Amino acid sequence: MDSAIIQITPIKIKYKTNPVDFFKIIRAGFSHPRKQLINNLATELKIEKEKIAEILLKNNILEKIRAEDLKIEDWILLVSFF
């Protein structure tokens, strides 16, 4: 039997985000893990893909990226646009 110890360290968020909105966007992004982020957000948030594409572009995020490839800072930025 193996065991492990993990340490969880809170990070300081530079941007003020509403936790409810933050987790709503993340949940939408990960709704279908192997799909591209743009498709998940468009489907789950019921927003046109073109609008999502604009938001991704403004944040220097590739359209074909998957949710798992974003850093926490990227998610924080995205929340401020929804």
Protein backbone atom coordinates (compact mmCIF):
# COMPACT_ATOMS: atom_id res chain seq x y z
CA MET A 1 0.00 0.00 0.00
CA ASP A 2 1.36 3.39 -1.02
CA SER A 3 0.60 6.71 0.56
CA ALA A 4 1.32 10.29 -0.34
CA ILE A 5 1.33 13.66 1.31
CA ILE A 6 0.28 16.75 -0.60
CA GLN A 7 0.55 20.36 0.37
CA ILE A 8 -2.08 22.79 -0.81
CA THR A 9 -0.93 26.38 -0.83
CA PRO A 10 -3.43 29.14 -1.51
CA ILE A 11 -2.46 31.56 -4.23
CA LYS A 12 -3.06 35.28 -4.17
CA ILE A 13 -5.34 36.27 -7.01
CA LYS A 14 -4.46 39.60 -8.60
CA TYR A 15 -7.91 40.04 -10.12
CA LYS A 16 -11.13 40.29 -8.22
CA THR A 17 -13.37 37.48 -9.38
CA ASN A 18 -16.65 36.20 -8.11
CA PRO A 19 -16.05 32.58 -6.97
CA VAL A 20 -19.45 31.50 -8.30
CA ASP A 21 -18.66 32.87 -11.77
CA PHE A 22 -15.12 31.49 -11.61
CA PHE A 23 -16.28 27.92 -10.96
CA LYS A 24 -19.14 28.22 -13.45
CA ILE A 25 -16.64 29.05 -16.23
CA ILE A 26 -14.23 26.31 -15.15
CA ARG A 27 -17.04 23.75 -14.95
CA ALA A 28 -18.13 24.72 -18.45
CA GLY A 29 -14.56 24.51 -19.74
CA PHE A 30 -14.06 21.01 -18.37
CA SER A 31 -17.55 19.72 -19.23
CA HIS A 32 -16.11 17.51 -21.99
CA PRO A 33 -12.39 17.21 -21.21
CA ARG A 34 -11.21 16.05 -24.63
CA LYS A 35 -13.06 18.77 -26.52
CA GLN A 36 -11.59 22.14 -27.32
CA LEU A 37 -12.26 24.91 -24.82
CA ILE A 38 -14.11 27.07 -27.35
CA ASN A 39 -16.66 24.29 -27.99
CA ASN A 40 -17.22 23.58 -24.31
CA LEU A 41 -17.71 27.23 -23.38
CA ALA A 42 -20.01 27.90 -26.34
CA THR A 43 -22.17 24.86 -25.59
CA GLU A 44 -22.34 25.11 -21.81
CA LEU A 45 -22.66 28.90 -21.52
CA LYS A 46 -24.88 29.20 -24.61
CA ILE A 47 -22.66 31.85 -26.18
CA GLU A 48 -21.78 32.05 -29.88
CA LYS A 49 -18.40 30.59 -30.82
CA GLU A 50 -17.41 33.87 -32.49
CA LYS A 51 -17.83 35.73 -29.17
CA ILE A 52 -15.78 33.08 -27.34
CA ALA A 53 -13.11 33.28 -30.06
CA GLU A 54 -12.87 37.07 -29.52
CA ILE A 55 -12.46 36.59 -25.76
CA LEU A 56 -9.75 33.98 -26.26
CA LEU A 57 -7.95 36.19 -28.76
CA LYS A 58 -8.02 39.19 -26.37
CA ASN A 59 -6.37 36.97 -23.75
CA ASN A 60 -3.75 35.52 -26.12
CA ILE A 61 -5.24 32.04 -25.81
CA LEU A 62 -5.26 29.74 -28.83
CA GLU A 63 -8.69 28.78 -30.17
CA LYS A 64 -7.81 25.09 -30.31
CA ILE A 65 -6.63 24.85 -26.69
CA ARG A 66 -8.18 22.40 -24.26
CA ALA A 67 -9.23 23.34 -20.72
CA GLU A 68 -6.49 21.23 -19.15
CA ASP A 69 -3.80 23.28 -20.90
CA LEU A 70 -4.74 26.62 -19.30
CA LYS A 71 -2.97 28.01 -16.25
CA ILE A 72 -4.95 29.33 -13.30
CA GLU A 73 -4.04 32.87 -14.35
CA ASP A 74 -5.64 32.23 -17.76
CA TRP A 75 -8.85 31.09 -16.10
CA ILE A 76 -8.91 34.18 -13.90
CA LEU A 77 -8.55 36.43 -16.94
CA LEU A 78 -11.29 34.58 -18.82
CA VAL A 79 -13.78 34.96 -15.98
CA SER A 80 -13.51 38.73 -16.16
CA PHE A 81 -14.78 38.64 -19.76
CA PHE A 82 -17.97 36.64 -19.06
